[in-house]
Amino acid sequence: MRKTVWLLGVAAALLSACDASYTGGGSPGGYIAQLPEGVLAIAAPYQDLTAVKIDDTDGCYYYRHVGPVETTFLPLRSTTGRPICSRPQETPAG
């Protein structure tokens, strides 16, 4: 009886940790509906611009990269390789 209760508790905890959605922001999926023209002009061509969002912590754009093993968000980069941000990067004092 103790094993059954313990197993049910562990199963419930594991299932509650699963979340299959990336939600947030105002648009479906939290993605930007239409990117600004300036971002479209400087973004490198190999990136998926259909699923882009802005990270609240650093103000930079991130795009959804669907790889062979996992789907993850990567920084949106310009053709020169620099990250594209909606606000200036903070530089450490010193």
N, C-alpha and C. Protein backbone atom coordinates (compact mmCIF):
# COMPACT_ATOMS: atom_id res chain seq x y z
N MET A 1 0.82 -1.19 0.00
CA MET A 1 0.00 0.00 0.00
C MET A 1 0.87 1.27 0.00
N ARG A 2 1.95 1.27 0.78
CA ARG A 2 2.82 2.44 0.84
C ARG A 2 3.48 2.68 -0.51
N LYS A 3 3.87 1.62 -1.20
CA LYS A 3 4.50 1.79 -2.51
C LYS A 3 3.54 2.41 -3.51
N THR A 4 2.29 2.00 -3.48
CA THR A 4 1.30 2.53 -4.41
C THR A 4 1.10 4.03 -4.18
N VAL A 5 0.95 4.42 -2.93
CA VAL A 5 0.76 5.83 -2.61
C VAL A 5 2.00 6.63 -3.02
N TRP A 6 3.16 6.09 -2.75
CA TRP A 6 4.40 6.76 -3.10
C TRP A 6 4.53 6.91 -4.62
N LEU A 7 4.24 5.85 -5.36
CA LEU A 7 4.32 5.89 -6.82
C LEU A 7 3.31 6.88 -7.41
N LEU A 8 2.11 6.92 -6.86
CA LEU A 8 1.12 7.87 -7.36
C LEU A 8 1.56 9.31 -7.08
N GLY A 9 2.16 9.53 -5.93
CA GLY A 9 2.66 10.86 -5.61
C GLY A 9 3.78 11.29 -6.54
N VAL A 10 4.70 10.39 -6.81
CA VAL A 10 5.81 10.70 -7.72
C VAL A 10 5.29 10.93 -9.14
N ALA A 11 4.35 10.10 -9.58
CA ALA A 11 3.79 10.26 -10.92
C ALA A 11 3.08 11.61 -11.05
N ALA A 12 2.33 12.00 -10.04
CA ALA A 12 1.64 13.29 -10.08
C ALA A 12 2.64 14.44 -10.12
N ALA A 13 3.71 14.34 -9.36
CA ALA A 13 4.73 15.40 -9.36
C ALA A 13 5.42 15.50 -10.72
N LEU A 14 5.73 14.37 -11.33
CA LEU A 14 6.39 14.39 -12.63
C LEU A 14 5.48 14.94 -13.72
N LEU A 15 4.22 14.56 -13.69
CA LEU A 15 3.29 15.05 -14.70
C LEU A 15 3.00 16.53 -14.53
N SER A 16 2.99 17.02 -13.31
CA SER A 16 2.73 18.44 -13.11
C SER A 16 3.91 19.30 -13.57
N ALA A 17 5.08 18.72 -13.68
CA ALA A 17 6.25 19.46 -14.14
C ALA A 17 6.27 19.61 -15.65
N CYS A 18 5.49 18.83 -16.36
CA CYS A 18 5.46 18.88 -17.83
C CYS A 18 4.59 20.04 -18.28
N ASP A 19 5.10 20.83 -19.22
CA ASP A 19 4.35 21.93 -19.80
C ASP A 19 4.72 21.98 -21.27
N ALA A 20 3.74 21.75 -22.12
CA ALA A 20 4.01 21.64 -23.54
C ALA A 20 3.87 22.95 -24.30
N SER A 21 3.65 24.05 -23.59
CA SER A 21 3.41 25.29 -24.31
C SER A 21 4.43 26.36 -23.94
N TYR A 22 4.73 27.19 -24.94
CA TYR A 22 5.53 28.39 -24.74
C TYR A 22 4.55 29.55 -24.86
N THR A 23 4.01 30.04 -23.76
CA THR A 23 3.05 31.12 -23.84
C THR A 23 3.59 32.35 -23.17
N GLY A 24 3.01 33.44 -23.51
CA GLY A 24 3.42 34.72 -22.95
C GLY A 24 3.20 35.80 -23.98
N GLY A 25 3.20 37.03 -23.56
CA GLY A 25 2.99 38.12 -24.48
C GLY A 25 1.54 38.20 -24.92
N GLY A 26 1.26 39.06 -25.87
CA GLY A 26 -0.11 39.29 -26.28
C GLY A 26 -0.54 38.49 -27.48
N SER A 27 0.37 38.05 -28.32
CA SER A 27 -0.02 37.32 -29.52
C SER A 27 0.01 35.82 -29.25
N PRO A 28 -0.61 35.02 -30.13
CA PRO A 28 -0.61 33.57 -29.91
C PRO A 28 0.80 33.02 -29.80
N GLY A 29 1.06 32.29 -28.75
CA GLY A 29 2.37 31.71 -28.53
C GLY A 29 3.38 32.71 -27.98
N GLY A 30 2.96 33.96 -27.80
CA GLY A 30 3.86 34.98 -27.29
C GLY A 30 4.80 35.54 -28.34
N TYR A 31 4.55 35.24 -29.59
CA TYR A 31 5.42 35.70 -30.67
C TYR A 31 4.98 37.07 -31.18
N ILE A 32 5.92 37.79 -31.75
CA ILE A 32 5.61 39.09 -32.33
C ILE A 32 4.90 38.87 -33.66
N ALA A 33 3.75 39.51 -33.81
CA ALA A 33 2.94 39.31 -35.02
C ALA A 33 3.64 39.86 -36.26
N GLN A 34 4.20 41.06 -36.16
CA GLN A 34 4.91 41.64 -37.30
C GLN A 34 6.17 42.33 -36.80
N LEU A 35 7.30 41.89 -37.30
CA LEU A 35 8.58 42.48 -36.90
C LEU A 35 8.76 43.85 -37.53
N PRO A 36 9.43 44.76 -36.83
CA PRO A 36 9.72 46.07 -37.42
C PRO A 36 10.58 45.92 -38.68
N GLU A 37 10.40 46.86 -39.61
CA GLU A 37 11.14 46.80 -40.88
C GLU A 37 12.65 46.83 -40.67
N GLY A 38 13.11 47.57 -39.68
CA GLY A 38 14.54 47.65 -39.40
C GLY A 38 15.11 46.30 -39.00
N VAL A 39 14.34 45.53 -38.23
CA VAL A 39 14.80 44.19 -37.82
C VAL A 39 14.82 43.27 -39.04
N LEU A 40 13.78 43.35 -39.86
CA LEU A 40 13.75 42.51 -41.07
C LEU A 40 14.91 42.83 -42.01
N ALA A 41 15.30 44.09 -42.05
CA ALA A 41 16.37 44.50 -42.97
C ALA A 41 17.74 43.98 -42.55
N ILE A 42 17.98 43.87 -41.23
CA ILE A 42 19.33 43.49 -40.79
C ILE A 42 19.44 42.03 -40.33
N ALA A 43 18.32 41.31 -40.21
CA ALA A 43 18.36 39.93 -39.73
C ALA A 43 19.03 39.01 -40.75
N ALA A 44 19.86 38.10 -40.25
CA ALA A 44 20.52 37.12 -41.12
C ALA A 44 19.46 36.21 -41.74
N PRO A 45 19.68 35.77 -42.98
CA PRO A 45 18.65 35.03 -43.71
C PRO A 45 18.37 33.61 -43.23
N TYR A 46 19.25 33.01 -42.47
CA TYR A 46 19.09 31.60 -42.08
C TYR A 46 18.18 31.41 -40.87
N GLN A 47 17.57 32.46 -40.35
CA GLN A 47 16.77 32.38 -39.13
C GLN A 47 15.28 32.35 -39.45
N ASP A 48 14.50 31.67 -38.60
CA ASP A 48 13.05 31.57 -38.77
C ASP A 48 12.41 32.82 -38.16
N LEU A 49 11.93 33.72 -39.00
CA LEU A 49 11.35 34.97 -38.53
C LEU A 49 9.85 34.86 -38.28
N THR A 50 9.28 33.66 -38.38
CA THR A 50 7.85 33.49 -38.12
C THR A 50 7.56 33.29 -36.64
N ALA A 51 8.55 32.99 -35.83
CA ALA A 51 8.36 32.75 -34.40
C ALA A 51 9.43 33.50 -33.63
N VAL A 52 9.23 34.81 -33.45
CA VAL A 52 10.21 35.67 -32.78
C VAL A 52 9.54 36.32 -31.58
N LYS A 53 10.28 36.43 -30.48
CA LYS A 53 9.78 37.14 -29.30
C LYS A 53 10.91 37.93 -28.67
N ILE A 54 10.56 38.87 -27.80
CA ILE A 54 11.56 39.68 -27.10
C ILE A 54 11.67 39.16 -25.68
N ASP A 55 12.91 38.93 -25.23
CA ASP A 55 13.16 38.50 -23.86
C ASP A 55 13.07 39.72 -22.96
N ASP A 56 12.26 39.62 -21.91
CA ASP A 56 12.06 40.75 -21.00
C ASP A 56 13.33 41.11 -20.22
N THR A 57 14.20 40.15 -19.99
CA THR A 57 15.37 40.42 -19.16
C THR A 57 16.44 41.25 -19.87
N ASP A 58 16.65 41.01 -21.16
CA ASP A 58 17.70 41.76 -21.85
C ASP A 58 17.20 42.59 -23.03
N GLY A 59 15.93 42.46 -23.39
CA GLY A 59 15.37 43.25 -24.47
C GLY A 59 15.78 42.81 -25.86
N CYS A 60 16.39 41.64 -25.98
CA CYS A 60 16.84 41.14 -27.28
C CYS A 60 15.80 40.23 -27.91
N TYR A 61 15.84 40.17 -29.23
CA TYR A 61 14.95 39.29 -29.98
C TYR A 61 15.49 37.87 -29.96
N TYR A 62 14.59 36.90 -29.84
CA TYR A 62 14.95 35.47 -29.90
C TYR A 62 14.02 34.79 -30.87
N TYR A 63 14.56 33.89 -31.68
CA TYR A 63 13.73 33.15 -32.63
C TYR A 63 13.71 31.68 -32.25
N ARG A 64 12.62 31.01 -32.64
CA ARG A 64 12.46 29.58 -32.35
C ARG A 64 13.23 28.78 -33.39
N HIS A 65 14.18 27.99 -32.92
CA HIS A 65 14.98 27.13 -33.79
C HIS A 65 14.53 25.68 -33.56
N VAL A 66 14.07 25.04 -34.61
CA VAL A 66 13.62 23.65 -34.52
C VAL A 66 14.76 22.79 -35.05
N GLY A 67 15.44 22.12 -34.13
CA GLY A 67 16.57 21.26 -34.48
C GLY A 67 16.15 19.81 -34.57
N PRO A 68 17.08 18.92 -34.89
CA PRO A 68 16.76 17.50 -35.02
C PRO A 68 16.42 16.84 -33.69
N VAL A 69 16.86 17.41 -32.58
CA VAL A 69 16.63 16.80 -31.28
C VAL A 69 15.65 17.61 -30.44
N GLU A 70 15.79 18.94 -30.46
CA GLU A 70 14.94 19.77 -29.61
C GLU A 70 14.63 21.09 -30.28
N THR A 71 13.61 21.74 -29.75
CA THR A 71 13.26 23.09 -30.18
C THR A 71 13.69 24.04 -29.08
N THR A 72 14.41 25.09 -29.46
CA THR A 72 14.92 26.03 -28.47
C THR A 72 14.88 27.44 -29.05
N PHE A 73 15.05 28.42 -28.20
CA PHE A 73 15.10 29.81 -28.64
C PHE A 73 16.54 30.28 -28.68
N LEU A 74 16.92 30.87 -29.81
CA LEU A 74 18.27 31.38 -30.02
C LEU A 74 18.21 32.88 -30.27
N PRO A 75 19.28 33.60 -29.93
CA PRO A 75 19.28 35.05 -30.19
C PRO A 75 19.19 35.34 -31.69
N LEU A 76 18.32 36.27 -32.04
CA LEU A 76 18.22 36.71 -33.42
C LEU A 76 19.45 37.54 -33.74
N ARG A 77 20.14 37.19 -34.81
CA ARG A 77 21.42 37.83 -35.14
C ARG A 77 21.31 38.60 -36.45
N SER A 78 22.12 39.64 -36.54
CA SER A 78 22.20 40.41 -37.77
C SER A 78 23.12 39.69 -38.75
N THR A 79 23.22 40.22 -39.94
CA THR A 79 24.09 39.60 -40.94
C THR A 79 25.56 39.67 -40.53
N THR A 80 25.90 40.57 -39.61
CA THR A 80 27.28 40.65 -39.11
C THR A 80 27.51 39.77 -37.89
N GLY A 81 26.46 39.10 -37.40
CA GLY A 81 26.60 38.18 -36.28
C GLY A 81 26.28 38.76 -34.91
N ARG A 82 25.91 40.02 -34.86
CA ARG A 82 25.59 40.65 -33.58
C ARG A 82 24.13 40.39 -33.21
N PRO A 83 23.82 40.26 -31.90
CA PRO A 83 22.43 40.08 -31.50
C PRO A 83 21.62 41.35 -31.77
N ILE A 84 20.35 41.16 -32.12
CA ILE A 84 19.45 42.28 -32.39
C ILE A 84 18.61 42.51 -31.14
N CYS A 85 18.69 43.72 -30.60
CA CYS A 85 17.98 44.04 -29.35
C CYS A 85 17.10 45.26 -29.56
N SER A 86 16.05 45.34 -28.74
CA SER A 86 15.13 46.47 -28.83
C SER A 86 15.55 47.63 -27.96
N ARG A 87 16.52 47.42 -27.10
CA ARG A 87 17.07 48.50 -26.26
C ARG A 87 18.58 48.28 -26.16
N PRO A 88 19.34 49.33 -25.87
CA PRO A 88 20.80 49.21 -25.80
C PRO A 88 21.23 48.24 -24.71
N GLN A 89 22.31 47.52 -24.97
CA GLN A 89 22.87 46.61 -23.98
C GLN A 89 23.49 47.41 -22.84
N GLU A 90 23.27 46.92 -21.61
CA GLU A 90 23.87 47.58 -20.47
C GLU A 90 25.34 47.14 -20.36
N THR A 91 26.22 48.12 -20.15
CA THR A 91 27.63 47.79 -19.99
C THR A 91 27.97 47.86 -18.51
N PRO A 92 28.75 46.90 -18.01
CA PRO A 92 29.11 46.91 -16.60
C PRO A 92 29.98 48.12 -16.27
N ALA A 93 29.70 48.72 -15.12
CA ALA A 93 30.48 49.88 -14.68
C ALA A 93 31.86 49.44 -14.22
N GLY A 94 32.84 50.23 -14.51
CA GLY A 94 34.16 49.89 -14.00
C GLY A 94 35.21 50.04 -14.95
